[in-house]
Amino acid sequence: MRILHVIRSLHPEYGGPAQLVRCIVAAGPRLGWEGEVACLDRPGQPFLEEVPFTVHALGQNETVYGYSRLWVPWLRANIDRFDGVVVHGIWQYQSWGTWRAIRGRRPYVLFPHGMLDPWFKRRYPLKHVKKWIYWHLAERKVLRDASSVLFTCDTEQRLAPESFRMPPWDAAVVPYGAETPTGDPGLQIEAFYQVCPGARNRRFFLYLGRIHPKKGCDLLIDAFLSIASIYPDVDLVMAGPDSGMREGLEAAVANAGLERRVHWPGLVTGEARWGAFFASDVFVLPSHQENFGIAVAEALGCSRPVLISDQVNIWPEIEADGAGLVGFDTLEGTTSLLERWLRLPEEERDAMRLRAHACFEGRYNLDQNVSELVGFFQRMQ
């Protein structure tokens, strides 16, 4: 079986969807199927050279929407090589252009990747007006004609109709998966220390993701600053690409005189990414909106508990499995998460690490969830 994945970008800075596609397609050969990717990146970009599978980079412009005149002709010429298509994301040209090219010729499933969450409607009401126009002109048809609309958890599926009146659809929950960590954790930890030397020999909270207001990064910085004097042996690592707020956060840290205890290694990839999880004490994500959070699953796979807000949509599963702590997406809630973790007896932290790994194996193992995704196409044959 051969499956085509279409996505706006495979750049690591694109976050969870790009990471998920990389993991899924790389896992294909060992699971008995083949995959290729079509994206709206420009050809020849360095990050594409590191991808271990076939990528068709068809981008032509740098707009957010990503229109490319190459997209529809390429799909129409190549779609017969594939048994099905997975469309990742909406509101950009990869979804509408794919619908135009393949409707009626091949089945496709659609992952909205949290882009139908009503948080965006509340947070950005003017943008929602533009999305309303897109919805009626294009995206509603994309969802209507999908063989299935796939959500990463029950909460994401439940919330989606609060944004728009949904067309008739076949909806299903297929959780994100994460790769099972392989390699030598000791070497991976050393790789992390090479890019973040200030964290060596320090106990630290780990944030790994875009430095973006949606992620609650300001809450995490303010919460850490409020407890830093009480817990002088604990640092904070803020790993990820900047989306425009890092300068202000660094200024707040400097004003508190804590530059040596808050570390900013930037985008961390490859072995160093796994090393960041293994070297950390616990993973933190106080996001205001998160349909899943692939870094949450990766942390669990490394036996690291997660401290998350109740706006990370998989929080009920995390709480039910005892794999982490959950709080409100407020300064008080985030501060409480950090303090609750630090006050746990060591034996309880150790027990939670075991439960974190069990949660990963039971819910978020990549091979298990990819097999479920492939099953949608097998049933359509």
Protein backbone atom coordinates (compact mmCIF):
# COMPACT_ATOMS: atom_id res chain seq x y z
CA MET A 1 0.00 0.00 0.00
CA ARG A 2 1.26 3.48 -0.90
CA ILE A 3 -0.07 6.57 0.88
CA LEU A 4 0.52 10.24 0.08
CA HIS A 5 0.65 12.77 2.92
CA VAL A 6 0.05 16.41 2.04
CA ILE A 7 1.03 19.22 4.41
CA ARG A 8 1.80 22.93 4.31
CA SER A 9 5.40 22.51 5.48
CA LEU A 10 7.84 19.90 6.75
CA HIS A 11 10.03 22.51 8.40
CA PRO A 12 10.75 21.53 12.04
CA GLU A 13 9.54 24.97 13.11
CA TYR A 14 6.08 24.04 11.80
CA GLY A 15 5.69 22.06 15.01
CA GLY A 16 3.65 18.96 15.79
CA PRO A 17 2.05 18.27 12.39
CA ALA A 18 5.42 18.33 10.62
CA GLN A 19 6.96 16.12 13.28
CA LEU A 20 4.05 13.70 13.08
CA VAL A 21 4.31 13.36 9.30
CA ARG A 22 8.05 12.77 9.53
CA CYS A 23 7.50 10.02 12.09
CA ILE A 24 4.61 8.34 10.27
CA VAL A 25 6.24 8.18 6.85
CA ALA A 26 9.61 7.08 8.23
CA ALA A 27 7.84 4.25 10.10
CA GLY A 28 6.04 3.01 6.99
CA PRO A 29 8.58 0.49 5.64
CA ARG A 30 8.84 -1.46 8.89
CA LEU A 31 5.03 -1.60 9.08
CA GLY A 32 4.59 -2.87 5.54
CA TRP A 33 3.53 0.21 3.59
CA GLU A 34 5.18 3.05 1.68
CA GLY A 35 4.64 6.77 1.92
CA GLU A 36 5.57 9.98 0.18
CA VAL A 37 4.96 13.61 1.10
CA ALA A 38 3.83 16.58 -0.98
CA CYS A 39 4.35 19.95 0.70
CA LEU A 40 4.31 23.65 -0.10
CA ASP A 41 7.91 24.22 0.92
CA ARG A 42 10.26 25.55 -1.70
CA PRO A 43 12.52 22.87 -3.19
CA GLY A 44 16.16 22.72 -2.16
CA GLN A 45 15.77 23.91 1.43
CA PRO A 46 18.40 22.34 3.73
CA PHE A 47 15.93 20.70 6.14
CA LEU A 48 14.44 18.69 3.27
CA GLU A 49 17.81 17.05 2.59
CA GLU A 50 17.66 15.40 6.03
CA VAL A 51 14.31 13.68 5.38
CA PRO A 52 14.70 9.89 4.78
CA PHE A 53 11.79 9.50 2.37
CA THR A 54 10.50 10.95 -0.90
CA VAL A 55 9.33 14.57 -0.64
CA HIS A 56 7.77 16.60 -3.44
CA ALA A 57 8.36 20.27 -2.56
CA LEU A 58 5.94 22.22 -4.73
CA GLY A 59 5.90 25.63 -3.08
CA GLN A 60 6.29 28.83 -5.07
CA ASN A 61 5.48 31.73 -2.77
CA GLU A 62 6.05 32.74 0.83
CA THR A 63 2.49 33.75 1.74
CA VAL A 64 0.79 32.14 4.71
CA TYR A 65 -1.82 30.57 2.45
CA GLY A 66 0.89 28.95 0.31
CA TYR A 67 -0.81 28.96 -3.10
CA SER A 68 1.18 27.13 -5.78
CA ARG A 69 0.18 26.71 -9.44
CA LEU A 70 2.16 23.45 -9.44
CA TRP A 71 0.04 21.75 -6.77
CA VAL A 72 -3.11 20.68 -8.63
CA PRO A 73 -1.34 19.61 -11.86
CA TRP A 74 1.18 17.52 -9.91
CA LEU A 75 -1.54 15.78 -7.90
CA ARG A 76 -3.64 15.07 -10.96
CA ALA A 77 -0.64 13.58 -12.75
CA ASN A 78 0.50 11.44 -9.80
CA ILE A 79 -2.55 10.50 -7.76
CA ASP A 80 -3.01 7.12 -9.47
CA ARG A 81 0.27 5.96 -7.90
CA PHE A 82 -1.31 6.10 -4.43
CA ASP A 83 -3.99 4.09 -2.64
CA GLY A 84 -5.07 7.04 -0.51
CA VAL A 85 -4.18 10.51 0.76
CA VAL A 86 -3.85 11.99 4.24
CA VAL A 87 -4.47 15.74 4.29
CA HIS A 88 -2.82 17.45 7.24
CA GLY A 89 -4.32 20.76 8.31
CA ILE A 90 -6.81 23.22 6.87
CA TRP A 91 -6.98 26.98 6.14
CA GLN A 92 -4.06 26.73 3.70
CA TYR A 93 -3.76 25.70 0.09
CA GLN A 94 -2.75 22.08 0.68
CA SER A 95 -6.30 21.18 1.76
CA TRP A 96 -8.33 23.07 -0.82
CA GLY A 97 -5.89 22.35 -3.66
CA THR A 98 -5.92 18.64 -2.84
CA TRP A 99 -9.73 18.57 -2.83
CA ARG A 100 -9.76 20.21 -6.25
CA ALA A 101 -7.27 17.72 -7.66
CA ILE A 102 -8.38 14.33 -6.33
CA ARG A 103 -12.08 14.41 -5.39
CA GLY A 104 -13.71 11.28 -6.68
CA ARG A 105 -10.43 9.70 -7.80
CA ARG A 106 -8.89 8.54 -4.52
CA PRO A 107 -10.14 8.39 -0.92
CA TYR A 108 -8.63 10.88 1.48
CA VAL A 109 -8.77 11.40 5.22
CA LEU A 110 -8.28 14.74 6.92
CA PHE A 111 -6.46 15.62 10.13
CA PRO A 112 -7.51 19.16 11.21
CA HIS A 113 -4.68 19.11 13.80
CA GLY A 114 -6.60 21.26 16.27
CA MET A 115 -7.34 23.99 13.71
CA LEU A 116 -11.08 23.78 14.45
CA ASP A 117 -10.66 24.46 18.16
CA PRO A 118 -13.04 27.25 19.33
CA TRP A 119 -10.14 28.87 21.26
CA PHE A 120 -9.04 30.52 18.02
CA LYS A 121 -12.53 31.94 17.51
CA ARG A 122 -12.46 33.51 20.97
CA ARG A 123 -8.84 34.66 20.86
CA TYR A 124 -8.81 36.06 17.31
CA PRO A 125 -12.36 37.20 16.41
CA LEU A 126 -11.27 39.22 13.37
CA LYS A 127 -9.37 36.29 11.93
CA HIS A 128 -12.45 34.19 12.49
CA VAL A 129 -14.35 36.43 10.08
CA LYS A 130 -11.78 35.59 7.37
CA LYS A 131 -11.98 31.92 8.27
CA TRP A 132 -15.78 32.08 7.99
CA ILE A 133 -15.36 33.15 4.36
CA TYR A 134 -12.81 30.39 3.70
CA TRP A 135 -15.12 27.90 5.41
CA HIS A 136 -18.05 28.53 3.11
CA LEU A 137 -15.96 28.87 -0.05
CA ALA A 138 -13.63 25.91 0.47
CA GLU A 139 -12.93 24.16 3.76
CA ARG A 140 -16.49 22.97 4.41
CA LYS A 141 -16.32 21.02 1.16
CA VAL A 142 -12.96 19.53 2.14
CA LEU A 143 -14.44 18.13 5.37
CA ARG A 144 -17.70 17.09 3.71
CA ASP A 145 -16.03 14.94 1.07
CA ALA A 146 -13.35 13.35 3.26
CA SER A 147 -13.72 9.60 3.76
CA SER A 148 -13.08 10.37 7.42
CA VAL A 149 -12.18 13.40 9.53
CA LEU A 150 -9.63 12.25 12.09
CA PHE A 151 -9.21 13.82 15.51
CA THR A 152 -6.35 13.15 17.86
CA CYS A 153 -8.51 12.81 20.96
CA ASP A 154 -12.14 12.82 22.10
CA THR A 155 -11.91 16.41 23.36
CA GLU A 156 -10.76 17.74 19.99
CA GLN A 157 -13.67 16.01 18.23
CA ARG A 158 -16.18 17.30 20.79
CA LEU A 159 -14.99 20.92 20.52
CA ALA A 160 -14.79 21.21 16.73
CA PRO A 161 -18.52 21.92 16.11
CA GLU A 162 -18.29 24.95 18.42
CA SER A 163 -16.29 26.78 15.74
CA PHE A 164 -18.49 26.15 12.70
CA ARG A 165 -21.62 24.27 11.77
CA MET A 166 -20.17 21.03 10.53
CA PRO A 167 -21.28 19.22 7.37
CA PRO A 168 -22.25 15.54 7.59
CA TRP A 169 -19.03 13.65 8.21
CA ASP A 170 -17.52 10.36 9.25
CA ALA A 171 -15.43 11.33 12.26
CA ALA A 172 -13.02 9.13 14.21
CA VAL A 173 -10.34 9.49 16.87
CA VAL A 174 -6.82 8.39 15.93
CA PRO A 175 -4.32 9.62 18.55
CA TYR A 176 -1.01 11.08 17.55
CA GLY A 177 1.84 8.73 18.13
CA ALA A 178 5.47 9.37 18.90
CA GLU A 179 8.51 7.33 18.03
CA THR A 180 9.84 4.98 20.65
CA PRO A 181 13.19 6.43 21.73
CA THR A 182 16.14 4.46 20.41
CA GLY A 183 19.88 4.86 20.79
CA ASP A 184 22.01 5.48 23.83
CA PRO A 185 20.36 7.91 26.28
CA GLY A 186 23.78 8.82 27.67
CA LEU A 187 25.03 9.93 24.26
CA GLN A 188 21.76 11.73 23.60
CA ILE A 189 22.03 13.63 26.88
CA GLU A 190 25.56 14.64 25.95
CA ALA A 191 24.30 15.84 22.55
CA PHE A 192 21.78 18.02 24.37
CA TYR A 193 24.44 19.46 26.67
CA GLN A 194 26.47 20.40 23.61
CA VAL A 195 23.68 22.77 22.54
CA CYS A 196 22.67 23.76 26.09
CA PRO A 197 25.84 23.65 28.22
CA GLY A 198 24.39 25.76 31.01
CA ALA A 199 21.99 22.96 31.97
CA ARG A 200 24.76 20.43 32.65
CA ASN A 201 24.65 19.05 36.20
CA ARG A 202 21.46 20.99 36.87
CA ARG A 203 17.98 19.72 37.66
CA PHE A 204 15.55 21.45 35.28
CA PHE A 205 12.01 21.83 34.02
CA LEU A 206 11.84 21.34 30.24
CA TYR A 207 9.66 23.29 27.84
CA LEU A 208 10.08 22.17 24.22
CA GLY A 209 8.03 23.88 21.53
CA ARG A 210 7.53 27.19 19.78
CA ILE A 211 8.13 30.25 21.95
CA HIS A 212 4.61 31.50 21.25
CA PRO A 213 1.82 33.17 23.28
CA LYS A 214 -0.56 30.26 22.59
CA LYS A 215 1.80 27.93 24.41
CA GLY A 216 1.66 29.87 27.68
CA CYS A 217 5.40 30.62 27.62
CA ASP A 218 4.87 33.87 29.53
CA LEU A 219 3.01 31.97 32.24
CA LEU A 220 5.85 29.49 32.57
CA ILE A 221 8.52 32.19 32.82
CA ASP A 222 6.55 34.19 35.40
CA ALA A 223 5.74 31.05 37.39
CA PHE A 224 9.38 29.98 37.45
CA LEU A 225 10.56 33.45 38.49
CA SER A 226 8.07 33.42 41.37
CA ILE A 227 9.49 30.19 42.86
CA ALA A 228 13.14 30.40 41.84
CA SER A 229 14.37 31.78 45.15
CA ILE A 230 12.59 29.00 47.06
CA TYR A 231 14.11 26.23 44.91
CA PRO A 232 17.64 27.42 44.03
CA ASP A 233 18.69 23.98 42.74
CA VAL A 234 16.17 23.96 39.85
CA ASP A 235 16.56 25.58 36.40
CA LEU A 236 14.27 26.05 33.41
CA VAL A 237 15.09 25.15 29.80
CA MET A 238 13.03 26.91 27.10
CA ALA A 239 13.86 24.94 23.95
CA GLY A 240 12.26 25.90 20.64
CA PRO A 241 12.13 28.45 17.82
CA ASP A 242 11.10 32.01 18.59
CA SER A 243 7.72 33.24 17.34
CA GLY A 244 8.29 36.83 18.41
CA MET A 245 8.12 36.83 22.20
CA ARG A 246 11.50 35.53 23.33
CA GLU A 247 13.11 38.97 23.62
CA GLY A 248 10.48 40.15 26.10
CA LEU A 249 10.70 36.95 28.12
CA GLU A 250 14.49 37.16 28.29
CA ALA A 251 14.18 40.75 29.51
CA ALA A 252 11.92 39.61 32.35
CA VAL A 253 14.45 36.93 33.30
CA ALA A 254 17.29 39.47 33.22
CA ASN A 255 15.34 41.91 35.39
CA ALA A 256 14.99 39.11 37.96
CA GLY A 257 18.74 38.40 37.79
CA LEU A 258 18.17 34.77 36.76
CA GLU A 259 19.87 34.62 33.35
CA ARG A 260 22.09 31.73 34.51
CA ARG A 261 19.09 29.60 35.47
CA VAL A 262 16.88 30.00 32.39
CA HIS A 263 18.39 28.49 29.24
CA TRP A 264 17.41 29.18 25.60
CA PRO A 265 19.00 26.60 23.28
CA GLY A 266 16.66 27.38 20.37
CA LEU A 267 15.30 24.65 18.11
CA VAL A 268 16.57 21.28 19.35
CA THR A 269 16.41 18.34 16.94
CA GLY A 270 17.68 14.79 16.44
CA GLU A 271 19.61 13.10 19.21
CA ALA A 272 19.77 16.33 21.21
CA ARG A 273 15.96 16.43 21.31
CA TRP A 274 15.78 13.00 22.93
CA GLY A 275 18.63 14.04 25.22
CA ALA A 276 16.64 17.05 26.39
CA PHE A 277 13.84 14.78 27.60
CA PHE A 278 16.17 12.27 29.25
CA ALA A 279 18.19 14.98 31.00
CA SER A 280 15.12 16.81 32.31
CA ASP A 281 13.35 16.36 35.60
CA VAL A 282 9.88 16.83 34.11
CA PHE A 283 8.23 18.27 30.97
CA VAL A 284 5.99 21.38 31.17
CA LEU A 285 3.36 22.67 28.72
CA PRO A 286 0.97 25.32 30.14
CA SER A 287 -0.67 25.90 26.74
CA HIS A 288 -3.86 27.90 26.20
CA GLN A 289 -4.82 25.57 23.33
CA GLU A 290 -3.33 22.25 22.27
CA ASN A 291 -5.19 19.51 20.46
CA PHE A 292 -2.53 16.98 21.41
CA GLY A 293 1.07 18.09 21.79
CA ILE A 294 3.48 15.60 20.22
CA ALA A 295 6.21 16.68 22.64
CA VAL A 296 3.92 15.49 25.45
CA ALA A 297 3.91 11.99 23.94
CA GLU A 298 7.67 12.11 23.37
CA ALA A 299 8.25 13.05 27.00
CA LEU A 300 6.08 10.15 28.15
CA GLY A 301 8.05 7.81 25.87
CA CYS A 302 11.20 8.91 27.67
CA SER A 303 9.56 8.11 31.04
CA ARG A 304 9.17 11.77 31.89
CA PRO A 305 5.93 12.90 33.56
CA VAL A 306 4.20 15.94 32.10
CA LEU A 307 2.88 19.08 33.79
CA ILE A 308 0.15 20.39 31.48
CA SER A 309 -2.77 22.78 31.47
CA ASP A 310 -6.34 21.64 31.15
CA GLN A 311 -6.33 23.20 27.67
CA VAL A 312 -4.07 20.42 26.36
CA ASN A 313 -6.84 18.20 25.05
CA ILE A 314 -5.37 14.91 26.19
CA TRP A 315 -5.29 16.01 29.82
CA PRO A 316 -8.09 13.59 30.87
CA GLU A 317 -6.02 10.63 29.65
CA ILE A 318 -2.87 11.92 31.35
CA GLU A 319 -4.72 12.44 34.61
CA ALA A 320 -6.49 9.07 34.41
CA ASP A 321 -3.16 7.27 33.92
CA GLY A 322 -1.41 9.21 36.69
CA ALA A 323 1.27 10.18 34.14
CA GLY A 324 1.50 13.83 35.15
CA LEU A 325 -0.19 16.78 36.81
CA VAL A 326 -2.90 19.04 35.36
CA GLY A 327 -3.69 22.68 36.19
CA PHE A 328 -5.42 25.78 34.85
CA ASP A 329 -3.82 27.84 32.07
CA THR A 330 -3.27 30.79 34.41
CA LEU A 331 -0.27 32.09 36.29
CA GLU A 332 -1.66 30.63 39.51
CA GLY A 333 -2.33 27.30 37.83
CA THR A 334 1.13 27.12 36.27
CA THR A 335 2.87 28.10 39.49
CA SER A 336 0.88 25.44 41.31
CA LEU A 337 1.98 22.80 38.79
CA LEU A 338 5.66 23.56 39.37
CA GLU A 339 5.28 23.62 43.14
CA ARG A 340 3.19 20.44 43.28
CA TRP A 341 5.88 18.58 41.35
CA LEU A 342 8.72 19.89 43.50
CA ARG A 343 6.88 19.00 46.70
CA LEU A 344 6.25 15.38 45.67
CA PRO A 345 8.32 12.82 47.59
CA GLU A 346 11.04 11.26 45.46
CA GLU A 347 9.36 7.86 45.54
CA GLU A 348 6.16 9.37 44.08
CA ARG A 349 8.11 11.11 41.30
CA ASP A 350 9.75 7.76 40.49
CA ALA A 351 6.37 6.02 40.43
CA MET A 352 5.00 8.70 38.13
CA ARG A 353 7.91 8.14 35.74
CA LEU A 354 6.90 4.49 35.47
CA ARG A 355 3.27 5.45 34.88
CA ALA A 356 4.36 7.96 32.22
CA HIS A 357 6.04 5.24 30.19
CA ALA A 358 3.05 2.92 30.62
CA CYS A 359 0.76 5.70 29.39
CA PHE A 360 2.92 6.12 26.28
CA GLU A 361 2.91 2.40 25.48
CA GLY A 362 -0.81 2.08 26.03
CA ARG A 363 -1.97 5.18 24.15
CA TYR A 364 0.69 6.95 22.08
CA ASN A 365 3.02 4.34 20.64
CA LEU A 366 3.55 5.40 17.02
CA ASP A 367 3.45 1.94 15.45
CA GLN A 368 0.11 1.13 17.06
CA ASN A 369 -1.54 4.37 15.95
CA VAL A 370 -0.08 4.36 12.43
CA SER A 371 -1.46 0.86 11.92
CA GLU A 372 -4.89 2.21 12.82
CA LEU A 373 -4.49 5.02 10.28
CA VAL A 374 -3.49 2.62 7.51
CA GLY A 375 -6.52 0.51 8.40
CA PHE A 376 -8.83 3.26 7.14
CA PHE A 377 -7.47 2.80 3.62
CA GLN A 378 -7.44 -0.99 3.81
CA ARG A 379 -11.14 -0.96 4.62
CA MET A 380 -11.79 1.27 1.60
CA GLN A 381 -10.26 -1.17 -0.89
